[in-house]
């Protein structure tokens, strides 16, 4: 659960951390994740590794949409989720798990 403080800012230093989501949980909730992602302009979801997804954010969406999706996905899965834009895939030194991500 994310705790909100005055001004809407969370304080991760005092919040209990959740375990990262695993592939089994992601695949079990794949349809729900795809529908949720669509609400934030995100398509083509892929599982990269524990706790990490890759997706395509529409051109008219920004980092706040990605962050909002992550929070909603955490609520859905009860586990930590990070979404990486597919725009990072052609960056130098990108993590191999992001490149090899498999479709949901």
PDB file of N, CA and C in Angstrom:
ATOM      1  N   UNK A   1       0.836  -1.172   0.000  1.00  0.00           N
ATOM      2  CA  UNK A   1       0.000   0.000   0.000  1.00  0.00           C
ATOM      3  C   UNK A   1       0.886   1.243   0.000  1.00  0.00           C
ATOM      4  N   UNK A   2       0.547   2.182  -0.825  1.00  0.00           N
ATOM      5  CA  UNK A   2       1.282   3.441  -0.900  1.00  0.00           C
ATOM      6  C   UNK A   2       0.628   4.423   0.054  1.00  0.00           C
ATOM      7  N   UNK A   3       1.408   4.987   0.936  1.00  0.00           N
ATOM      8  CA  UNK A   3       0.882   5.998   1.856  1.00  0.00           C
ATOM      9  C   UNK A   3       1.107   7.367   1.261  1.00  0.00           C
ATOM     10  N   UNK A   4       0.085   8.180   1.290  1.00  0.00           N
ATOM     11  CA  UNK A   4       0.191   9.537   0.778  1.00  0.00           C
ATOM     12  C   UNK A   4       0.276  10.495   1.954  1.00  0.00           C
ATOM     13  N   UNK A   5       1.097  11.492   1.802  1.00  0.00           N
ATOM     14  CA  UNK A   5       1.307  12.491   2.827  1.00  0.00           C
ATOM     15  C   UNK A   5       0.783  13.825   2.331  1.00  0.00           C
ATOM     16  N   UNK A   6       0.647  14.802   3.211  1.00  0.00           N
ATOM     17  CA  UNK A   6       0.143  16.102   2.772  1.00  0.00           C
ATOM     18  C   UNK A   6       0.850  16.561   1.501  1.00  0.00           C
ATOM     19  N   UNK A   7       0.052  17.025   0.560  1.00  0.00           N
ATOM     20  CA  UNK A   7       0.605  17.445  -0.721  1.00  0.00           C
ATOM     21  C   UNK A   7       0.653  16.306  -1.722  1.00  0.00           C
ATOM     22  N   UNK A   8       0.215  15.099  -1.331  1.00  0.00           N
ATOM     23  CA  UNK A   8       0.151  13.979  -2.253  1.00  0.00           C
ATOM     24  C   UNK A   8       1.469  13.276  -2.493  1.00  0.00           C
ATOM     25  N   UNK A   9       2.490  13.560  -1.718  1.00  0.00           N
ATOM     26  CA  UNK A   9       3.808  12.967  -1.930  1.00  0.00           C
ATOM     27  C   UNK A   9       3.948  11.735  -1.055  1.00  0.00           C
ATOM     28  N   UNK A  10       4.431  10.641  -1.641  1.00  0.00           N
ATOM     29  CA  UNK A  10       4.680   9.448  -0.846  1.00  0.00           C
ATOM     30  C   UNK A  10       6.085   9.519  -0.280  1.00  0.00           C
ATOM     31  N   UNK A  11       6.308   8.761   0.762  1.00  0.00           N
ATOM     32  CA  UNK A  11       7.623   8.733   1.397  1.00  0.00           C
ATOM     33  C   UNK A  11       8.129   7.298   1.398  1.00  0.00           C
ATOM     34  N   UNK A  12       8.859   6.884   0.339  1.00  0.00           N
ATOM     35  CA  UNK A  12       9.300   5.504   0.243  1.00  0.00           C
ATOM     36  C   UNK A  12      10.253   5.087   1.341  1.00  0.00           C
ATOM     37  N   UNK A  13      10.911   6.023   1.999  1.00  0.00           N
ATOM     38  CA  UNK A  13      11.858   5.668   3.050  1.00  0.00           C
ATOM     39  C   UNK A  13      11.156   5.059   4.259  1.00  0.00           C
ATOM     40  N   UNK A  14       9.884   5.394   4.469  1.00  0.00           N
ATOM     41  CA  UNK A  14       9.180   4.859   5.634  1.00  0.00           C
ATOM     42  C   UNK A  14       8.065   3.893   5.247  1.00  0.00           C
ATOM     43  N   UNK A  15       7.865   3.651   3.973  1.00  0.00           N
ATOM     44  CA  UNK A  15       6.840   2.728   3.528  1.00  0.00           C
ATOM     45  C   UNK A  15       7.398   1.319   3.463  1.00  0.00           C
ATOM     46  N   UNK A  16       6.610   0.340   3.887  1.00  0.00           N
ATOM     47  CA  UNK A  16       7.087  -1.035   3.734  1.00  0.00           C
ATOM     48  C   UNK A  16       7.156  -1.376   2.250  1.00  0.00           C
ATOM     49  N   UNK A  17       8.203  -2.082   1.874  1.00  0.00           N
ATOM     50  CA  UNK A  17       8.340  -2.419   0.463  1.00  0.00           C
ATOM     51  C   UNK A  17       7.609  -3.723   0.173  1.00  0.00           C
ATOM     52  N   UNK A  18       7.097  -3.820  -1.031  1.00  0.00           N
ATOM     53  CA  UNK A  18       6.435  -5.029  -1.493  1.00  0.00           C
ATOM     54  C   UNK A  18       7.435  -5.870  -2.259  1.00  0.00           C
ATOM     55  N   UNK A  19       7.205  -7.167  -2.309  1.00  0.00           N
ATOM     56  CA  UNK A  19       8.079  -7.993  -3.140  1.00  0.00           C
ATOM     57  C   UNK A  19       7.823  -7.679  -4.611  1.00  0.00           C
ATOM     58  N   UNK A  20       8.815  -7.832  -5.465  1.00  0.00           N
ATOM     59  CA  UNK A  20       8.585  -7.603  -6.891  1.00  0.00           C
ATOM     60  C   UNK A  20       7.682  -8.688  -7.470  1.00  0.00           C
ATOM     61  N   UNK A  21       6.866  -8.309  -8.426  1.00  0.00           N
ATOM     62  CA  UNK A  21       5.946  -9.260  -9.040  1.00  0.00           C
ATOM     63  C   UNK A  21       6.730 -10.286  -9.859  1.00  0.00           C
ATOM     64  N   UNK A  22       6.278 -11.522  -9.810  1.00  0.00           N
ATOM     65  CA  UNK A  22       6.945 -12.570 -10.586  1.00  0.00           C
ATOM     66  C   UNK A  22       6.146 -12.876 -11.858  1.00  0.00           C
ATOM     67  N   UNK A  23       6.745 -13.641 -12.734  1.00  0.00           N
ATOM     68  CA  UNK A  23       6.125 -13.914 -14.030  1.00  0.00           C
ATOM     69  C   UNK A  23       4.804 -14.655 -13.892  1.00  0.00           C
ATOM     70  N   UNK A  24       4.697 -15.559 -12.945  1.00  0.00           N
ATOM     71  CA  UNK A  24       3.456 -16.306 -12.762  1.00  0.00           C
ATOM     72  C   UNK A  24       2.293 -15.366 -12.456  1.00  0.00           C
ATOM     73  N   UNK A  25       2.505 -14.415 -11.551  1.00  0.00           N
ATOM     74  CA  UNK A  25       1.450 -13.458 -11.200  1.00  0.00           C
ATOM     75  C   UNK A  25       1.120 -12.545 -12.375  1.00  0.00           C
ATOM     76  N   UNK A  26       2.138 -12.102 -13.101  1.00  0.00           N
ATOM     77  CA  UNK A  26       1.902 -11.238 -14.263  1.00  0.00           C
ATOM     78  C   UNK A  26       1.068 -11.976 -15.298  1.00  0.00           C
ATOM     79  N   UNK A  27       1.420 -13.206 -15.600  1.00  0.00           N
ATOM     80  CA  UNK A  27       0.690 -13.966 -16.614  1.00  0.00           C
ATOM     81  C   UNK A  27      -0.725 -14.294 -16.141  1.00  0.00           C
ATOM     82  N   UNK A  28      -0.903 -14.536 -14.847  1.00  0.00           N
ATOM     83  CA  UNK A  28      -2.239 -14.813 -14.312  1.00  0.00           C
ATOM     84  C   UNK A  28      -3.156 -13.592 -14.422  1.00  0.00           C
ATOM     85  N   UNK A  29      -2.573 -12.405 -14.418  1.00  0.00           N
ATOM     86  CA  UNK A  29      -3.338 -11.158 -14.501  1.00  0.00           C
ATOM     87  C   UNK A  29      -3.105 -10.422 -15.822  1.00  0.00           C
ATOM     88  N   UNK A  30      -2.656 -11.147 -16.837  1.00  0.00           N
ATOM     89  CA  UNK A  30      -2.278 -10.509 -18.105  1.00  0.00           C
ATOM     90  C   UNK A  30      -3.408  -9.696 -18.713  1.00  0.00           C
ATOM     91  N   UNK A  31      -4.611 -10.253 -18.765  1.00  0.00           N
ATOM     92  CA  UNK A  31      -5.721  -9.528 -19.390  1.00  0.00           C
ATOM     93  C   UNK A  31      -6.044  -8.265 -18.597  1.00  0.00           C
ATOM     94  N   UNK A  32      -6.080  -8.354 -17.274  1.00  0.00           N
ATOM     95  CA  UNK A  32      -6.331  -7.185 -16.442  1.00  0.00           C
ATOM     96  C   UNK A  32      -5.248  -6.127 -16.588  1.00  0.00           C
ATOM     97  N   UNK A  33      -4.004  -6.567 -16.694  1.00  0.00           N
ATOM     98  CA  UNK A  33      -2.897  -5.625 -16.890  1.00  0.00           C
ATOM     99  C   UNK A  33      -2.995  -4.922 -18.241  1.00  0.00           C
ATOM    100  N   UNK A  34      -3.350  -5.677 -19.282  1.00  0.00           N
ATOM    101  CA  UNK A  34      -3.494  -5.058 -20.609  1.00  0.00           C
ATOM    102  C   UNK A  34      -4.617  -4.020 -20.611  1.00  0.00           C
ATOM    103  N   UNK A  35      -5.739  -4.345 -19.984  1.00  0.00           N
ATOM    104  CA  UNK A  35      -6.857  -3.394 -19.914  1.00  0.00           C
ATOM    105  C   UNK A  35      -6.475  -2.167 -19.106  1.00  0.00           C
ATOM    106  N   UNK A  36      -5.804  -2.390 -17.992  1.00  0.00           N
ATOM    107  CA  UNK A  36      -5.351  -1.287 -17.142  1.00  0.00           C
ATOM    108  C   UNK A  36      -4.365  -0.400 -17.905  1.00  0.00           C
ATOM    109  N   UNK A  37      -3.431  -1.014 -18.580  1.00  0.00           N
ATOM    110  CA  UNK A  37      -2.437  -0.260 -19.346  1.00  0.00           C
ATOM    111  C   UNK A  37      -3.107   0.603 -20.414  1.00  0.00           C
ATOM    112  N   UNK A  38      -4.124   0.062 -21.068  1.00  0.00           N
ATOM    113  CA  UNK A  38      -4.825   0.814 -22.109  1.00  0.00           C
ATOM    114  C   UNK A  38      -5.426   2.101 -21.552  1.00  0.00           C
ATOM    115  N   UNK A  39      -5.869   2.070 -20.284  1.00  0.00           N
ATOM    116  CA  UNK A  39      -6.419   3.276 -19.645  1.00  0.00           C
ATOM    117  C   UNK A  39      -5.378   4.393 -19.562  1.00  0.00           C
ATOM    118  N   UNK A  40      -4.106   4.035 -19.561  1.00  0.00           N
ATOM    119  CA  UNK A  40      -3.019   5.012 -19.439  1.00  0.00           C
ATOM    120  C   UNK A  40      -2.268   5.207 -20.752  1.00  0.00           C
ATOM    121  N   UNK A  41      -2.828   4.716 -21.855  1.00  0.00           N
ATOM    122  CA  UNK A  41      -2.198   4.905 -23.161  1.00  0.00           C
ATOM    123  C   UNK A  41      -1.001   4.018 -23.393  1.00  0.00           C
ATOM    124  N   UNK A  42      -0.958   2.878 -22.712  1.00  0.00           N
ATOM    125  CA  UNK A  42       0.179   1.959 -22.814  1.00  0.00           C
ATOM    126  C   UNK A  42      -0.282   0.676 -23.501  1.00  0.00           C
ATOM    127  N   UNK A  43       0.463   0.255 -24.495  1.00  0.00           N
ATOM    128  CA  UNK A  43       0.136  -0.966 -25.236  1.00  0.00           C
ATOM    129  C   UNK A  43       1.372  -1.864 -25.308  1.00  0.00           C
ATOM    130  N   UNK A  44       1.184  -3.027 -25.884  1.00  0.00           N
ATOM    131  CA  UNK A  44       2.285  -3.958 -26.154  1.00  0.00           C
ATOM    132  C   UNK A  44       3.072  -4.301 -24.884  1.00  0.00           C
ATOM    133  N   UNK A  45       2.340  -4.673 -23.811  1.00  0.00           N
ATOM    134  CA  UNK A  45       3.000  -5.047 -22.552  1.00  0.00           C
ATOM    135  C   UNK A  45       3.778  -6.337 -22.714  1.00  0.00           C
ATOM    136  N   UNK A  46       4.978  -6.355 -22.120  1.00  0.00           N
ATOM    137  CA  UNK A  46       5.837  -7.527 -22.155  1.00  0.00           C
ATOM    138  C   UNK A  46       6.480  -7.724 -20.783  1.00  0.00           C
ATOM    139  N   UNK A  47       6.690  -9.000 -20.421  1.00  0.00           N
ATOM    140  CA  UNK A  47       7.364  -9.329 -19.167  1.00  0.00           C
ATOM    141  C   UNK A  47       8.857  -9.400 -19.425  1.00  0.00           C
ATOM    142  N   UNK A  48       9.627  -8.624 -18.661  1.00  0.00           N
ATOM    143  CA  UNK A  48      11.084  -8.603 -18.829  1.00  0.00           C
ATOM    144  C   UNK A  48      11.761  -9.491 -17.794  1.00  0.00           C
ATOM    145  N   UNK A  49      11.477  -9.243 -16.532  1.00  0.00           N
ATOM    146  CA  UNK A  49      12.047 -10.029 -15.439  1.00  0.00           C
ATOM    147  C   UNK A  49      11.252  -9.701 -14.188  1.00  0.00           C
ATOM    148  N   UNK A  50      11.588 -10.338 -13.101  1.00  0.00           N
ATOM    149  CA  UNK A  50      10.869 -10.125 -11.857  1.00  0.00           C
ATOM    150  C   UNK A  50      10.761  -8.631 -11.558  1.00  0.00           C
ATOM    151  N   UNK A  51       9.507  -8.170 -11.452  1.00  0.00           N
ATOM    152  CA  UNK A  51       9.238  -6.778 -11.123  1.00  0.00           C
ATOM    153  C   UNK A  51       9.336  -5.800 -12.275  1.00  0.00           C
ATOM    154  N   UNK A  52       9.630  -6.288 -13.496  1.00  0.00           N
ATOM    155  CA  UNK A  52       9.886  -5.369 -14.617  1.00  0.00           C
ATOM    156  C   UNK A  52       9.055  -5.736 -15.851  1.00  0.00           C
ATOM    157  N   UNK A  53       8.331  -4.734 -16.357  1.00  0.00           N
ATOM    158  CA  UNK A  53       7.571  -4.862 -17.588  1.00  0.00           C
ATOM    159  C   UNK A  53       8.085  -3.840 -18.595  1.00  0.00           C
ATOM    160  N   UNK A  54       7.846  -4.113 -19.853  1.00  0.00           N
ATOM    161  CA  UNK A  54       8.148  -3.174 -20.931  1.00  0.00           C
ATOM    162  C   UNK A  54       6.834  -2.916 -21.656  1.00  0.00           C
ATOM    163  N   UNK A  55       6.617  -1.683 -22.079  1.00  0.00           N
ATOM    164  CA  UNK A  55       5.417  -1.361 -22.835  1.00  0.00           C
ATOM    165  C   UNK A  55       5.644  -0.149 -23.708  1.00  0.00           C
ATOM    166  N   UNK A  56       4.691   0.094 -24.583  1.00  0.00           N
ATOM    167  CA  UNK A  56       4.761   1.251 -25.475  1.00  0.00           C
ATOM    168  C   UNK A  56       3.777   2.305 -24.987  1.00  0.00           C
ATOM    169  N   UNK A  57       4.288   3.472 -24.613  1.00  0.00           N
ATOM    170  CA  UNK A  57       3.440   4.591 -24.204  1.00  0.00           C
ATOM    171  C   UNK A  57       3.134   5.438 -25.427  1.00  0.00           C
ATOM    172  N   UNK A  58       1.858   5.748 -25.601  1.00  0.00           N
ATOM    173  CA  UNK A  58       1.439   6.578 -26.732  1.00  0.00           C
ATOM    174  C   UNK A  58       2.173   7.915 -26.700  1.00  0.00           C
ATOM    175  N   UNK A  59       2.332   8.510 -27.862  1.00  0.00           N
ATOM    176  CA  UNK A  59       3.073   9.775 -27.984  1.00  0.00           C
ATOM    177  C   UNK A  59       2.491  10.890 -27.116  1.00  0.00           C
ATOM    178  N   UNK A  60       1.189  10.859 -26.893  1.00  0.00           N
ATOM    179  CA  UNK A  60       0.554  11.926 -26.114  1.00  0.00           C
ATOM    180  C   UNK A  60       0.562  11.645 -24.604  1.00  0.00           C
ATOM    181  N   UNK A  61       1.276  10.622 -24.190  1.00  0.00           N
ATOM    182  CA  UNK A  61       1.376  10.259 -22.769  1.00  0.00           C
ATOM    183  C   UNK A  61       2.757  10.604 -22.250  1.00  0.00           C
ATOM    184  N   UNK A  62       2.865  10.736 -20.915  1.00  0.00           N
ATOM    185  CA  UNK A  62       4.153  11.127 -20.338  1.00  0.00           C
ATOM    186  C   UNK A  62       4.502  10.242 -19.148  1.00  0.00           C
ATOM    187  N   UNK A  63       5.542  10.623 -18.445  1.00  0.00           N
ATOM    188  CA  UNK A  63       6.046   9.835 -17.314  1.00  0.00           C
ATOM    189  C   UNK A  63       5.004   9.716 -16.201  1.00  0.00           C
ATOM    190  N   UNK A  64       4.134  10.695 -16.062  1.00  0.00           N
ATOM    191  CA  UNK A  64       3.094  10.604 -15.037  1.00  0.00           C
ATOM    192  C   UNK A  64       2.092   9.504 -15.355  1.00  0.00           C
ATOM    193  N   UNK A  65       1.783   9.300 -16.632  1.00  0.00           N
ATOM    194  CA  UNK A  65       0.904   8.199 -17.022  1.00  0.00           C
ATOM    195  C   UNK A  65       1.554   6.857 -16.681  1.00  0.00           C
ATOM    196  N   UNK A  66       2.848   6.758 -16.935  1.00  0.00           N
ATOM    197  CA  UNK A  66       3.581   5.530 -16.607  1.00  0.00           C
ATOM    198  C   UNK A  66       3.558   5.303 -15.098  1.00  0.00           C
ATOM    199  N   UNK A  67       3.810   6.342 -14.322  1.00  0.00           N
ATOM    200  CA  UNK A  67       3.808   6.225 -12.861  1.00  0.00           C
ATOM    201  C   UNK A  67       2.419   5.853 -12.353  1.00  0.00           C
ATOM    202  N   UNK A  68       1.384   6.449 -12.923  1.00  0.00           N
ATOM    203  CA  UNK A  68       0.019   6.109 -12.514  1.00  0.00           C
ATOM    204  C   UNK A  68      -0.305   4.656 -12.844  1.00  0.00           C
ATOM    205  N   UNK A  69       0.148   4.184 -14.016  1.00  0.00           N
ATOM    206  CA  UNK A  69      -0.045   2.776 -14.349  1.00  0.00           C
ATOM    207  C   UNK A  69       0.660   1.883 -13.335  1.00  0.00           C
ATOM    208  N   UNK A  70       1.898   2.222 -12.988  1.00  0.00           N
ATOM    209  CA  UNK A  70       2.648   1.421 -12.021  1.00  0.00           C
ATOM    210  C   UNK A  70       1.893   1.320 -10.702  1.00  0.00           C
ATOM    211  N   UNK A  71       1.380   2.438 -10.203  1.00  0.00           N
ATOM    212  CA  UNK A  71       0.632   2.422  -8.942  1.00  0.00           C
ATOM    213  C   UNK A  71      -0.617   1.555  -9.049  1.00  0.00           C
ATOM    214  N   UNK A  72      -1.335   1.678 -10.157  1.00  0.00           N
ATOM    215  CA  UNK A  72      -2.532   0.866 -10.352  1.00  0.00           C
ATOM    216  C   UNK A  72      -2.180  -0.622 -10.469  1.00  0.00           C
ATOM    217  N   UNK A  73      -1.080  -0.930 -11.137  1.00  0.00           N
ATOM    218  CA  UNK A  73      -0.639  -2.324 -11.276  1.00  0.00           C
ATOM    219  C   UNK A  73      -0.222  -2.895  -9.922  1.00  0.00           C
ATOM    220  N   UNK A  74       0.420  -2.086  -9.096  1.00  0.00           N
ATOM    221  CA  UNK A  74       0.788  -2.532  -7.743  1.00  0.00           C
ATOM    222  C   UNK A  74      -0.469  -2.872  -6.954  1.00  0.00           C
ATOM    223  N   UNK A  75      -1.487  -2.038  -7.066  1.00  0.00           N
ATOM    224  CA  UNK A  75      -2.750  -2.318  -6.364  1.00  0.00           C
ATOM    225  C   UNK A  75      -3.387  -3.600  -6.888  1.00  0.00           C
ATOM    226  N   UNK A  76      -3.342  -3.805  -8.191  1.00  0.00           N
ATOM    227  CA  UNK A  76      -3.928  -5.008  -8.789  1.00  0.00           C
ATOM    228  C   UNK A  76      -3.190  -6.266  -8.361  1.00  0.00           C
ATOM    229  N   UNK A  77      -1.858  -6.209  -8.380  1.00  0.00           N
ATOM    230  CA  UNK A  77      -1.041  -7.408  -8.155  1.00  0.00           C
ATOM    231  C   UNK A  77      -0.587  -7.602  -6.715  1.00  0.00           C
ATOM    232  N   UNK A  78      -0.610  -6.532  -5.929  1.00  0.00           N
ATOM    233  CA  UNK A  78      -0.100  -6.631  -4.562  1.00  0.00           C
ATOM    234  C   UNK A  78       1.396  -6.869  -4.524  1.00  0.00           C
ATOM    235  N   UNK A  79       2.086  -6.418  -5.561  1.00  0.00           N
ATOM    236  CA  UNK A  79       3.534  -6.601  -5.673  1.00  0.00           C
ATOM    237  C   UNK A  79       4.114  -5.421  -6.448  1.00  0.00           C
ATOM    238  N   UNK A  80       5.395  -5.204  -6.271  1.00  0.00           N
ATOM    239  CA  UNK A  80       6.084  -4.081  -6.914  1.00  0.00           C
ATOM    240  C   UNK A  80       6.199  -4.310  -8.422  1.00  0.00           C
ATOM    241  N   UNK A  81       5.915  -3.263  -9.200  1.00  0.00           N
ATOM    242  CA  UNK A  81       5.977  -3.318 -10.659  1.00  0.00           C
ATOM    243  C   UNK A  81       6.658  -2.059 -11.165  1.00  0.00           C
ATOM    244  N   UNK A  82       7.558  -2.203 -12.098  1.00  0.00           N
ATOM    245  CA  UNK A  82       8.180  -1.068 -12.793  1.00  0.00           C
ATOM    246  C   UNK A  82       7.938  -1.268 -14.283  1.00  0.00           C
ATOM    247  N   UNK A  83       7.494  -0.205 -14.936  1.00  0.00           N
ATOM    248  CA  UNK A  83       7.276  -0.248 -16.377  1.00  0.00           C
ATOM    249  C   UNK A  83       8.354   0.567 -17.060  1.00  0.00           C
ATOM    250  N   UNK A  84       8.990  -0.037 -18.038  1.00  0.00           N
ATOM    251  CA  UNK A  84      10.012   0.637 -18.835  1.00  0.00           C
ATOM    252  C   UNK A  84       9.453   0.853 -20.232  1.00  0.00           C
ATOM    253  N   UNK A  85       9.621   2.041 -20.742  1.00  0.00           N
ATOM    254  CA  UNK A  85       9.165   2.358 -22.085  1.00  0.00           C
ATOM    255  C   UNK A  85      10.014   1.616 -23.101  1.00  0.00           C
ATOM    256  N   UNK A  86       9.366   1.161 -24.157  1.00  0.00           N
ATOM    257  CA  UNK A  86      10.133   0.506 -25.215  1.00  0.00           C
ATOM    258  C   UNK A  86      11.089   1.475 -25.909  1.00  0.00           C
ATOM    259  N   UNK A  87      10.964   2.761 -25.591  1.00  0.00           N
ATOM    260  CA  UNK A  87      11.894   3.745 -26.156  1.00  0.00           C
ATOM    261  C   UNK A  87      13.315   3.566 -25.612  1.00  0.00           C
ATOM    262  N   UNK A  88      13.461   2.877 -24.478  1.00  0.00           N
ATOM    263  CA  UNK A  88      14.799   2.670 -23.909  1.00  0.00           C
ATOM    264  C   UNK A  88      15.551   1.528 -24.592  1.00  0.00           C
ATOM    265  N   UNK A  89      14.857   0.747 -25.392  1.00  0.00           N
ATOM    266  CA  UNK A  89      15.466  -0.460 -25.952  1.00  0.00           C
ATOM    267  C   UNK A  89      16.615  -0.196 -26.904  1.00  0.00           C
ATOM    268  N   UNK A  90      16.635   0.971 -27.515  1.00  0.00           N
ATOM    269  CA  UNK A  90      17.747   1.249 -28.420  1.00  0.00           C
ATOM    270  C   UNK A  90      18.826   2.120 -27.775  1.00  0.00           C
ATOM    271  N   UNK A  91      18.751   2.260 -26.456  1.00  0.00           N
ATOM    272  CA  UNK A  91      19.785   3.003 -25.726  1.00  0.00           C
ATOM    273  C   UNK A  91      20.997   2.107 -25.504  1.00  0.00           C
ATOM    274  N   UNK A  92      22.155   2.741 -25.445  1.00  0.00           N
ATOM    275  CA  UNK A  92      23.376   1.996 -25.153  1.00  0.00           C
ATOM    276  C   UNK A  92      23.299   1.504 -23.710  1.00  0.00           C
ATOM    277  N   UNK A  93      23.785   0.323 -23.461  1.00  0.00           N
ATOM    278  CA  UNK A  93      23.856  -0.279 -22.132  1.00  0.00           C
ATOM    279  C   UNK A  93      22.488  -0.613 -21.537  1.00  0.00           C
ATOM    280  N   UNK A  94      21.472  -0.799 -22.388  1.00  0.00           N
ATOM    281  CA  UNK A  94      20.166  -1.201 -21.881  1.00  0.00           C
ATOM    282  C   UNK A  94      20.280  -2.624 -21.323  1.00  0.00           C
ATOM    283  N   UNK A  95      19.549  -2.878 -20.275  1.00  0.00           N
ATOM    284  CA  UNK A  95      19.572  -4.182 -19.626  1.00  0.00           C
ATOM    285  C   UNK A  95      19.049  -5.265 -20.591  1.00  0.00           C
ATOM    286  N   UNK A  96      19.749  -6.386 -20.699  1.00  0.00           N
ATOM    287  CA  UNK A  96      19.340  -7.442 -21.631  1.00  0.00           C
ATOM    288  C   UNK A  96      17.934  -7.986 -21.370  1.00  0.00           C
ATOM    289  N   UNK A  97      17.490  -7.990 -20.110  1.00  0.00           N
ATOM    290  CA  UNK A  97      16.153  -8.510 -19.834  1.00  0.00           C
ATOM    291  C   UNK A  97      15.069  -7.635 -20.470  1.00  0.00           C
ATOM    292  N   UNK A  98      15.309  -6.336 -20.596  1.00  0.00           N
ATOM    293  CA  UNK A  98      14.339  -5.456 -21.235  1.00  0.00           C
ATOM    294  C   UNK A  98      14.257  -5.744 -22.730  1.00  0.00           C
ATOM    295  N   UNK A  99      15.391  -6.002 -23.344  1.00  0.00           N
ATOM    296  CA  UNK A  99      15.436  -6.303 -24.778  1.00  0.00           C
ATOM    297  C   UNK A  99      14.737  -7.633 -25.074  1.00  0.00           C
ATOM    298  N   UNK A 100      14.910  -8.602 -24.187  1.00  0.00           N
ATOM    299  CA  UNK A 100      14.370  -9.949 -24.404  1.00  0.00           C
ATOM    300  C   UNK A 100      12.957 -10.132 -23.836  1.00  0.00           C
ATOM    301  N   UNK A 101      12.302  -9.055 -23.416  1.00  0.00           N
ATOM    302  CA  UNK A 101      10.973  -9.152 -22.806  1.00  0.00           C
ATOM    303  C   UNK A 101      10.002  -9.901 -23.721  1.00  0.00           C
ATOM    304  N   UNK A 102       9.151 -10.736 -23.092  1.00  0.00           N
ATOM    305  CA  UNK A 102       8.206 -11.575 -23.816  1.00  0.00           C
ATOM    306  C   UNK A 102       6.781 -11.046 -23.667  1.00  0.00           C
ATOM    307  N   UNK A 103       6.005 -11.040 -24.762  1.00  0.00           N
ATOM    308  CA  UNK A 103       4.637 -10.514 -24.729  1.00  0.00           C
ATOM    309  C   UNK A 103       3.768 -11.226 -23.687  1.00  0.00           C
ATOM    310  N   UNK A 104       2.839 -10.459 -23.124  1.00  0.00           N
ATOM    311  CA  UNK A 104       1.872 -11.061 -22.182  1.00  0.00           C
ATOM    312  C   UNK A 104       0.781 -11.758 -22.960  1.00  0.00           C
TER     313      UNK A 104
END
